[in-house]
């Protein structure tokens, strides 16, 4: 199929650079990633991921971990499961 449509978007330069490096690691060009996203939206009739607003507890956890507050360090998966009580 001939591709003739163009998508243009403004994006924060540092975000663009970081994401394009991830695409490169995945073996994708930006164009291929956009096409993949569009195809998934078409297949699912919506976004291919959940879009949610974090609740207060999640927001607090994000802020705490950003400043390295209330972190639990684990030696290995077994240690993590023990600390979680699982």
PDB file of N, CA and C in Angstrom:
ATOM      1  N   UNK A   1       0.836  -1.166   0.000  1.00  0.00           N
ATOM      2  CA  UNK A   1       0.000   0.000   0.000  1.00  0.00           C
ATOM      3  C   UNK A   1       0.892   1.244   0.000  1.00  0.00           C
ATOM      4  N   UNK A   2       0.569   2.210  -0.817  1.00  0.00           N
ATOM      5  CA  UNK A   2       1.336   3.441  -0.899  1.00  0.00           C
ATOM      6  C   UNK A   2       1.018   4.314   0.311  1.00  0.00           C
ATOM      7  N   UNK A   3       2.069   4.797   0.944  1.00  0.00           N
ATOM      8  CA  UNK A   3       1.889   5.641   2.120  1.00  0.00           C
ATOM      9  C   UNK A   3       2.062   7.097   1.704  1.00  0.00           C
ATOM     10  N   UNK A   4       0.982   7.851   1.784  1.00  0.00           N
ATOM     11  CA  UNK A   4       1.051   9.238   1.356  1.00  0.00           C
ATOM     12  C   UNK A   4       0.591  10.226   2.429  1.00  0.00           C
ATOM     13  N   UNK A   5       0.004   9.773   3.511  1.00  0.00           N
ATOM     14  CA  UNK A   5      -0.460  10.671   4.555  1.00  0.00           C
ATOM     15  C   UNK A   5       0.699  11.022   5.490  1.00  0.00           C
ATOM     16  N   UNK A   6       0.658  12.221   6.019  1.00  0.00           N
ATOM     17  CA  UNK A   6       1.696  12.688   6.921  1.00  0.00           C
ATOM     18  C   UNK A   6       1.094  13.031   8.274  1.00  0.00           C
ATOM     19  N   UNK A   7       1.808  12.671   9.333  1.00  0.00           N
ATOM     20  CA  UNK A   7       1.414  13.030  10.686  1.00  0.00           C
ATOM     21  C   UNK A   7       2.499  13.961  11.212  1.00  0.00           C
ATOM     22  N   UNK A   8       2.092  15.129  11.720  1.00  0.00           N
ATOM     23  CA  UNK A   8       3.048  16.077  12.297  1.00  0.00           C
ATOM     24  C   UNK A   8       2.647  16.354  13.732  1.00  0.00           C
ATOM     25  N   UNK A   9       3.627  16.399  14.607  1.00  0.00           N
ATOM     26  CA  UNK A   9       3.337  16.678  16.011  1.00  0.00           C
ATOM     27  C   UNK A   9       4.519  17.402  16.639  1.00  0.00           C
ATOM     28  N   UNK A  10       4.230  18.263  17.573  1.00  0.00           N
ATOM     29  CA  UNK A  10       5.282  18.931  18.349  1.00  0.00           C
ATOM     30  C   UNK A  10       5.456  18.133  19.643  1.00  0.00           C
ATOM     31  N   UNK A  11       6.714  17.930  20.006  1.00  0.00           N
ATOM     32  CA  UNK A  11       7.002  17.132  21.188  1.00  0.00           C
ATOM     33  C   UNK A  11       8.246  17.686  21.864  1.00  0.00           C
ATOM     34  N   UNK A  12       8.328  17.505  23.151  1.00  0.00           N
ATOM     35  CA  UNK A  12       9.478  17.965  23.917  1.00  0.00           C
ATOM     36  C   UNK A  12      10.743  17.285  23.382  1.00  0.00           C
ATOM     37  N   UNK A  13      11.769  18.052  23.028  1.00  0.00           N
ATOM     38  CA  UNK A  13      12.975  17.468  22.419  1.00  0.00           C
ATOM     39  C   UNK A  13      13.624  16.353  23.230  1.00  0.00           C
ATOM     40  N   UNK A  14      13.716  16.505  24.550  1.00  0.00           N
ATOM     41  CA  UNK A  14      14.372  15.460  25.353  1.00  0.00           C
ATOM     42  C   UNK A  14      13.545  14.178  25.381  1.00  0.00           C
ATOM     43  N   UNK A  15      12.225  14.305  25.396  1.00  0.00           N
ATOM     44  CA  UNK A  15      11.353  13.128  25.347  1.00  0.00           C
ATOM     45  C   UNK A  15      11.517  12.425  24.007  1.00  0.00           C
ATOM     46  N   UNK A  16      11.531  13.204  22.928  1.00  0.00           N
ATOM     47  CA  UNK A  16      11.702  12.642  21.582  1.00  0.00           C
ATOM     48  C   UNK A  16      13.011  11.861  21.490  1.00  0.00           C
ATOM     49  N   UNK A  17      14.091  12.454  21.971  1.00  0.00           N
ATOM     50  CA  UNK A  17      15.400  11.807  21.898  1.00  0.00           C
ATOM     51  C   UNK A  17      15.423  10.503  22.698  1.00  0.00           C
ATOM     52  N   UNK A  18      14.886  10.553  23.916  1.00  0.00           N
ATOM     53  CA  UNK A  18      14.886   9.360  24.776  1.00  0.00           C
ATOM     54  C   UNK A  18      14.059   8.237  24.163  1.00  0.00           C
ATOM     55  N   UNK A  19      12.877   8.563  23.661  1.00  0.00           N
ATOM     56  CA  UNK A  19      11.994   7.550  23.094  1.00  0.00           C
ATOM     57  C   UNK A  19      12.569   6.993  21.796  1.00  0.00           C
ATOM     58  N   UNK A  20      13.177   7.842  20.987  1.00  0.00           N
ATOM     59  CA  UNK A  20      13.768   7.345  19.742  1.00  0.00           C
ATOM     60  C   UNK A  20      14.925   6.394  20.018  1.00  0.00           C
ATOM     61  N   UNK A  21      15.654   6.602  21.119  1.00  0.00           N
ATOM     62  CA  UNK A  21      16.701   5.651  21.504  1.00  0.00           C
ATOM     63  C   UNK A  21      16.084   4.304  21.884  1.00  0.00           C
ATOM     64  N   UNK A  22      14.932   4.331  22.565  1.00  0.00           N
ATOM     65  CA  UNK A  22      14.238   3.089  22.901  1.00  0.00           C
ATOM     66  C   UNK A  22      13.742   2.388  21.642  1.00  0.00           C
ATOM     67  N   UNK A  23      13.199   3.164  20.699  1.00  0.00           N
ATOM     68  CA  UNK A  23      12.768   2.573  19.427  1.00  0.00           C
ATOM     69  C   UNK A  23      13.952   1.889  18.752  1.00  0.00           C
ATOM     70  N   UNK A  24      15.095   2.555  18.764  1.00  0.00           N
ATOM     71  CA  UNK A  24      16.296   1.996  18.131  1.00  0.00           C
ATOM     72  C   UNK A  24      16.669   0.661  18.771  1.00  0.00           C
ATOM     73  N   UNK A  25      16.602   0.588  20.108  1.00  0.00           N
ATOM     74  CA  UNK A  25      16.904  -0.663  20.806  1.00  0.00           C
ATOM     75  C   UNK A  25      15.916  -1.757  20.414  1.00  0.00           C
ATOM     76  N   UNK A  26      14.688  -1.358  20.104  1.00  0.00           N
ATOM     77  CA  UNK A  26      13.660  -2.313  19.690  1.00  0.00           C
ATOM     78  C   UNK A  26      13.728  -2.626  18.196  1.00  0.00           C
ATOM     79  N   UNK A  27      14.620  -1.951  17.483  1.00  0.00           N
ATOM     80  CA  UNK A  27      14.747  -2.176  16.040  1.00  0.00           C
ATOM     81  C   UNK A  27      13.649  -1.496  15.246  1.00  0.00           C
ATOM     82  N   UNK A  28      13.097  -0.406  15.786  1.00  0.00           N
ATOM     83  CA  UNK A  28      12.010   0.310  15.117  1.00  0.00           C
ATOM     84  C   UNK A  28      12.429   1.723  14.755  1.00  0.00           C
ATOM     85  N   UNK A  29      11.952   2.199  13.631  1.00  0.00           N
ATOM     86  CA  UNK A  29      12.076   3.612  13.323  1.00  0.00           C
ATOM     87  C   UNK A  29      10.885   4.315  13.966  1.00  0.00           C
ATOM     88  N   UNK A  30      10.957   5.626  14.049  1.00  0.00           N
ATOM     89  CA  UNK A  30       9.830   6.379  14.592  1.00  0.00           C
ATOM     90  C   UNK A  30       8.592   6.147  13.739  1.00  0.00           C
ATOM     91  N   UNK A  31       8.747   6.130  12.433  1.00  0.00           N
ATOM     92  CA  UNK A  31       7.621   5.891  11.532  1.00  0.00           C
ATOM     93  C   UNK A  31       7.001   4.519  11.781  1.00  0.00           C
ATOM     94  N   UNK A  32       7.841   3.499  11.949  1.00  0.00           N
ATOM     95  CA  UNK A  32       7.316   2.155  12.224  1.00  0.00           C
ATOM     96  C   UNK A  32       6.580   2.116  13.564  1.00  0.00           C
ATOM     97  N   UNK A  33       7.106   2.813  14.566  1.00  0.00           N
ATOM     98  CA  UNK A  33       6.454   2.837  15.871  1.00  0.00           C
ATOM     99  C   UNK A  33       5.093   3.537  15.792  1.00  0.00           C
ATOM    100  N   UNK A  34       5.025   4.618  15.048  1.00  0.00           N
ATOM    101  CA  UNK A  34       3.748   5.326  14.882  1.00  0.00           C
ATOM    102  C   UNK A  34       2.754   4.443  14.134  1.00  0.00           C
ATOM    103  N   UNK A  35       3.199   3.774  13.086  1.00  0.00           N
ATOM    104  CA  UNK A  35       2.323   2.857  12.353  1.00  0.00           C
ATOM    105  C   UNK A  35       1.834   1.727  13.250  1.00  0.00           C
ATOM    106  N   UNK A  36       2.710   1.192  14.077  1.00  0.00           N
ATOM    107  CA  UNK A  36       2.340   0.138  15.015  1.00  0.00           C
ATOM    108  C   UNK A  36       1.272   0.639  15.988  1.00  0.00           C
ATOM    109  N   UNK A  37       1.485   1.845  16.514  1.00  0.00           N
ATOM    110  CA  UNK A  37       0.506   2.435  17.416  1.00  0.00           C
ATOM    111  C   UNK A  37      -0.843   2.597  16.722  1.00  0.00           C
ATOM    112  N   UNK A  38      -0.865   3.155  15.529  1.00  0.00           N
ATOM    113  CA  UNK A  38      -2.113   3.342  14.780  1.00  0.00           C
ATOM    114  C   UNK A  38      -2.809   2.007  14.519  1.00  0.00           C
ATOM    115  N   UNK A  39      -2.048   0.981  14.147  1.00  0.00           N
ATOM    116  CA  UNK A  39      -2.648  -0.328  13.869  1.00  0.00           C
ATOM    117  C   UNK A  39      -3.281  -0.922  15.131  1.00  0.00           C
ATOM    118  N   UNK A  40      -2.614  -0.747  16.275  1.00  0.00           N
ATOM    119  CA  UNK A  40      -3.162  -1.252  17.526  1.00  0.00           C
ATOM    120  C   UNK A  40      -4.441  -0.505  17.912  1.00  0.00           C
ATOM    121  N   UNK A  41      -4.457   0.806  17.707  1.00  0.00           N
ATOM    122  CA  UNK A  41      -5.661   1.588  17.976  1.00  0.00           C
ATOM    123  C   UNK A  41      -6.805   1.093  17.097  1.00  0.00           C
ATOM    124  N   UNK A  42      -6.501   0.838  15.831  1.00  0.00           N
ATOM    125  CA  UNK A  42      -7.521   0.340  14.898  1.00  0.00           C
ATOM    126  C   UNK A  42      -8.046  -1.030  15.343  1.00  0.00           C
ATOM    127  N   UNK A  43      -7.135  -1.946  15.694  1.00  0.00           N
ATOM    128  CA  UNK A  43      -7.528  -3.293  16.107  1.00  0.00           C
ATOM    129  C   UNK A  43      -8.368  -3.293  17.382  1.00  0.00           C
ATOM    130  N   UNK A  44      -8.011  -2.434  18.321  1.00  0.00           N
ATOM    131  CA  UNK A  44      -8.681  -2.421  19.627  1.00  0.00           C
ATOM    132  C   UNK A  44      -9.838  -1.434  19.706  1.00  0.00           C
ATOM    133  N   UNK A  45      -9.977  -0.629  18.665  1.00  0.00           N
ATOM    134  CA  UNK A  45     -10.995   0.433  18.675  1.00  0.00           C
ATOM    135  C   UNK A  45     -10.806   1.349  19.883  1.00  0.00           C
ATOM    136  N   UNK A  46      -9.557   1.640  20.198  1.00  0.00           N
ATOM    137  CA  UNK A  46      -9.214   2.504  21.322  1.00  0.00           C
ATOM    138  C   UNK A  46      -7.731   2.427  21.588  1.00  0.00           C
ATOM    139  N   UNK A  47      -7.305   3.085  22.630  1.00  0.00           N
ATOM    140  CA  UNK A  47      -5.884   3.073  22.964  1.00  0.00           C
ATOM    141  C   UNK A  47      -5.436   1.668  23.372  1.00  0.00           C
ATOM    142  N   UNK A  48      -4.205   1.283  23.009  1.00  0.00           N
ATOM    143  CA  UNK A  48      -3.719  -0.062  23.331  1.00  0.00           C
ATOM    144  C   UNK A  48      -3.136  -0.182  24.742  1.00  0.00           C
ATOM    145  N   UNK A  49      -3.518   0.731  25.607  1.00  0.00           N
ATOM    146  CA  UNK A  49      -3.071   0.699  26.993  1.00  0.00           C
ATOM    147  C   UNK A  49      -4.077   1.477  27.831  1.00  0.00           C
ATOM    148  N   UNK A  50      -4.067   1.220  29.133  1.00  0.00           N
ATOM    149  CA  UNK A  50      -4.980   1.920  30.027  1.00  0.00           C
ATOM    150  C   UNK A  50      -4.466   3.327  30.295  1.00  0.00           C
ATOM    151  N   UNK A  51      -5.346   4.292  30.251  1.00  0.00           N
ATOM    152  CA  UNK A  51      -5.012   5.662  30.609  1.00  0.00           C
ATOM    153  C   UNK A  51      -5.816   5.984  31.862  1.00  0.00           C
ATOM    154  N   UNK A  52      -5.104   6.181  32.959  1.00  0.00           N
ATOM    155  CA  UNK A  52      -5.785   6.417  34.233  1.00  0.00           C
ATOM    156  C   UNK A  52      -5.103   7.579  34.967  1.00  0.00           C
ATOM    157  N   UNK A  53      -5.850   8.206  35.819  1.00  0.00           N
ATOM    158  CA  UNK A  53      -5.313   9.237  36.695  1.00  0.00           C
ATOM    159  C   UNK A  53      -4.947   8.539  37.999  1.00  0.00           C
ATOM    160  N   UNK A  54      -3.691   8.655  38.430  1.00  0.00           N
ATOM    161  CA  UNK A  54      -3.287   7.969  39.661  1.00  0.00           C
ATOM    162  C   UNK A  54      -4.082   8.459  40.867  1.00  0.00           C
ATOM    163  N   UNK A  55      -4.375   7.530  41.790  1.00  0.00           N
ATOM    164  CA  UNK A  55      -5.052   7.929  43.018  1.00  0.00           C
ATOM    165  C   UNK A  55      -4.030   8.575  43.958  1.00  0.00           C
ATOM    166  N   UNK A  56      -4.501   9.085  45.080  1.00  0.00           N
ATOM    167  CA  UNK A  56      -3.629   9.821  46.023  1.00  0.00           C
ATOM    168  C   UNK A  56      -2.472   8.952  46.528  1.00  0.00           C
ATOM    169  N   UNK A  57      -2.756   7.683  46.830  1.00  0.00           N
ATOM    170  CA  UNK A  57      -1.709   6.791  47.347  1.00  0.00           C
ATOM    171  C   UNK A  57      -0.621   6.568  46.294  1.00  0.00           C
ATOM    172  N   UNK A  58      -1.038   6.401  45.046  1.00  0.00           N
ATOM    173  CA  UNK A  58      -0.065   6.197  43.974  1.00  0.00           C
ATOM    174  C   UNK A  58       0.751   7.459  43.742  1.00  0.00           C
ATOM    175  N   UNK A  59       0.098   8.620  43.741  1.00  0.00           N
ATOM    176  CA  UNK A  59       0.819   9.892  43.579  1.00  0.00           C
ATOM    177  C   UNK A  59       1.854  10.066  44.692  1.00  0.00           C
ATOM    178  N   UNK A  60       1.458   9.750  45.928  1.00  0.00           N
ATOM    179  CA  UNK A  60       2.369   9.869  47.067  1.00  0.00           C
ATOM    180  C   UNK A  60       3.559   8.914  46.896  1.00  0.00           C
ATOM    181  N   UNK A  61       3.298   7.701  46.438  1.00  0.00           N
ATOM    182  CA  UNK A  61       4.371   6.727  46.219  1.00  0.00           C
ATOM    183  C   UNK A  61       5.327   7.219  45.138  1.00  0.00           C
ATOM    184  N   UNK A  62       4.799   7.791  44.057  1.00  0.00           N
ATOM    185  CA  UNK A  62       5.655   8.353  42.996  1.00  0.00           C
ATOM    186  C   UNK A  62       6.559   9.442  43.566  1.00  0.00           C
ATOM    187  N   UNK A  63       5.969  10.351  44.345  1.00  0.00           N
ATOM    188  CA  UNK A  63       6.745  11.454  44.920  1.00  0.00           C
ATOM    189  C   UNK A  63       7.798  10.929  45.894  1.00  0.00           C
ATOM    190  N   UNK A  64       7.421   9.969  46.733  1.00  0.00           N
ATOM    191  CA  UNK A  64       8.358   9.405  47.702  1.00  0.00           C
ATOM    192  C   UNK A  64       9.534   8.730  47.003  1.00  0.00           C
ATOM    193  N   UNK A  65       9.256   7.953  45.974  1.00  0.00           N
ATOM    194  CA  UNK A  65      10.352   7.250  45.304  1.00  0.00           C
ATOM    195  C   UNK A  65      11.230   8.214  44.508  1.00  0.00           C
ATOM    196  N   UNK A  66      10.648   9.310  44.014  1.00  0.00           N
ATOM    197  CA  UNK A  66      11.456  10.308  43.297  1.00  0.00           C
ATOM    198  C   UNK A  66      12.539  10.892  44.203  1.00  0.00           C
ATOM    199  N   UNK A  67      12.228  11.033  45.489  1.00  0.00           N
ATOM    200  CA  UNK A  67      13.208  11.580  46.435  1.00  0.00           C
ATOM    201  C   UNK A  67      13.854  10.472  47.279  1.00  0.00           C
ATOM    202  N   UNK A  68      13.673   9.230  46.824  1.00  0.00           N
ATOM    203  CA  UNK A  68      14.265   8.050  47.479  1.00  0.00           C
ATOM    204  C   UNK A  68      13.840   7.931  48.943  1.00  0.00           C
ATOM    205  N   UNK A  69      12.568   8.180  49.195  1.00  0.00           N
ATOM    206  CA  UNK A  69      11.998   8.112  50.535  1.00  0.00           C
ATOM    207  C   UNK A  69      11.126   6.856  50.630  1.00  0.00           C
ATOM    208  N   UNK A  70      11.188   6.181  51.754  1.00  0.00           N
ATOM    209  CA  UNK A  70      10.385   4.988  52.034  1.00  0.00           C
ATOM    210  C   UNK A  70      10.630   3.900  50.972  1.00  0.00           C
ATOM    211  N   UNK A  71      11.878   3.680  50.618  1.00  0.00           N
ATOM    212  CA  UNK A  71      12.215   2.609  49.678  1.00  0.00           C
ATOM    213  C   UNK A  71      12.564   1.352  50.456  1.00  0.00           C
ATOM    214  N   UNK A  72      12.174   0.220  49.942  1.00  0.00           N
ATOM    215  CA  UNK A  72      12.531  -1.064  50.540  1.00  0.00           C
ATOM    216  C   UNK A  72      13.486  -1.753  49.573  1.00  0.00           C
ATOM    217  N   UNK A  73      14.662  -2.022  50.045  1.00  0.00           N
ATOM    218  CA  UNK A  73      15.669  -2.686  49.208  1.00  0.00           C
ATOM    219  C   UNK A  73      15.602  -4.189  49.437  1.00  0.00           C
ATOM    220  N   UNK A  74      15.724  -4.942  48.356  1.00  0.00           N
ATOM    221  CA  UNK A  74      15.667  -6.399  48.435  1.00  0.00           C
ATOM    222  C   UNK A  74      16.920  -6.985  47.808  1.00  0.00           C
ATOM    223  N   UNK A  75      17.393  -8.048  48.399  1.00  0.00           N
ATOM    224  CA  UNK A  75      18.603  -8.716  47.914  1.00  0.00           C
ATOM    225  C   UNK A  75      18.334  -9.547  46.658  1.00  0.00           C
ATOM    226  N   UNK A  76      17.131 -10.130  46.599  1.00  0.00           N
ATOM    227  CA  UNK A  76      16.783 -11.008  45.490  1.00  0.00           C
ATOM    228  C   UNK A  76      15.260 -11.187  45.497  1.00  0.00           C
ATOM    229  N   UNK A  77      14.709 -11.890  44.516  1.00  0.00           N
ATOM    230  CA  UNK A  77      13.245 -12.074  44.487  1.00  0.00           C
ATOM    231  C   UNK A  77      12.682 -12.730  45.746  1.00  0.00           C
ATOM    232  N   UNK A  78      13.377 -13.721  46.293  1.00  0.00           N
ATOM    233  CA  UNK A  78      12.876 -14.383  47.506  1.00  0.00           C
ATOM    234  C   UNK A  78      12.790 -13.394  48.670  1.00  0.00           C
ATOM    235  N   UNK A  79      13.802 -12.541  48.787  1.00  0.00           N
ATOM    236  CA  UNK A  79      13.804 -11.520  49.836  1.00  0.00           C
ATOM    237  C   UNK A  79      12.630 -10.556  49.627  1.00  0.00           C
ATOM    238  N   UNK A  80      12.364 -10.187  48.394  1.00  0.00           N
ATOM    239  CA  UNK A  80      11.251  -9.291  48.094  1.00  0.00           C
ATOM    240  C   UNK A  80       9.916  -9.930  48.491  1.00  0.00           C
ATOM    241  N   UNK A  81       9.733 -11.193  48.117  1.00  0.00           N
ATOM    242  CA  UNK A  81       8.480 -11.884  48.450  1.00  0.00           C
ATOM    243  C   UNK A  81       8.316 -12.015  49.973  1.00  0.00           C
ATOM    244  N   UNK A  82       9.422 -12.284  50.666  1.00  0.00           N
ATOM    245  CA  UNK A  82       9.375 -12.363  52.137  1.00  0.00           C
ATOM    246  C   UNK A  82       8.939 -11.023  52.717  1.00  0.00           C
ATOM    247  N   UNK A  83       9.513  -9.940  52.221  1.00  0.00           N
ATOM    248  CA  UNK A  83       9.174  -8.615  52.749  1.00  0.00           C
ATOM    249  C   UNK A  83       7.747  -8.227  52.407  1.00  0.00           C
ATOM    250  N   UNK A  84       7.222  -8.732  51.287  1.00  0.00           N
ATOM    251  CA  UNK A  84       5.843  -8.461  50.906  1.00  0.00           C
ATOM    252  C   UNK A  84       4.868  -9.398  51.613  1.00  0.00           C
ATOM    253  N   UNK A  85       5.391 -10.435  52.252  1.00  0.00           N
ATOM    254  CA  UNK A  85       4.531 -11.392  52.931  1.00  0.00           C
ATOM    255  C   UNK A  85       3.823 -12.332  51.988  1.00  0.00           C
ATOM    256  N   UNK A  86       4.452 -12.580  50.876  1.00  0.00           N
ATOM    257  CA  UNK A  86       3.835 -13.451  49.851  1.00  0.00           C
ATOM    258  C   UNK A  86       4.527 -14.803  49.887  1.00  0.00           C
TER     259      UNK A  86
END
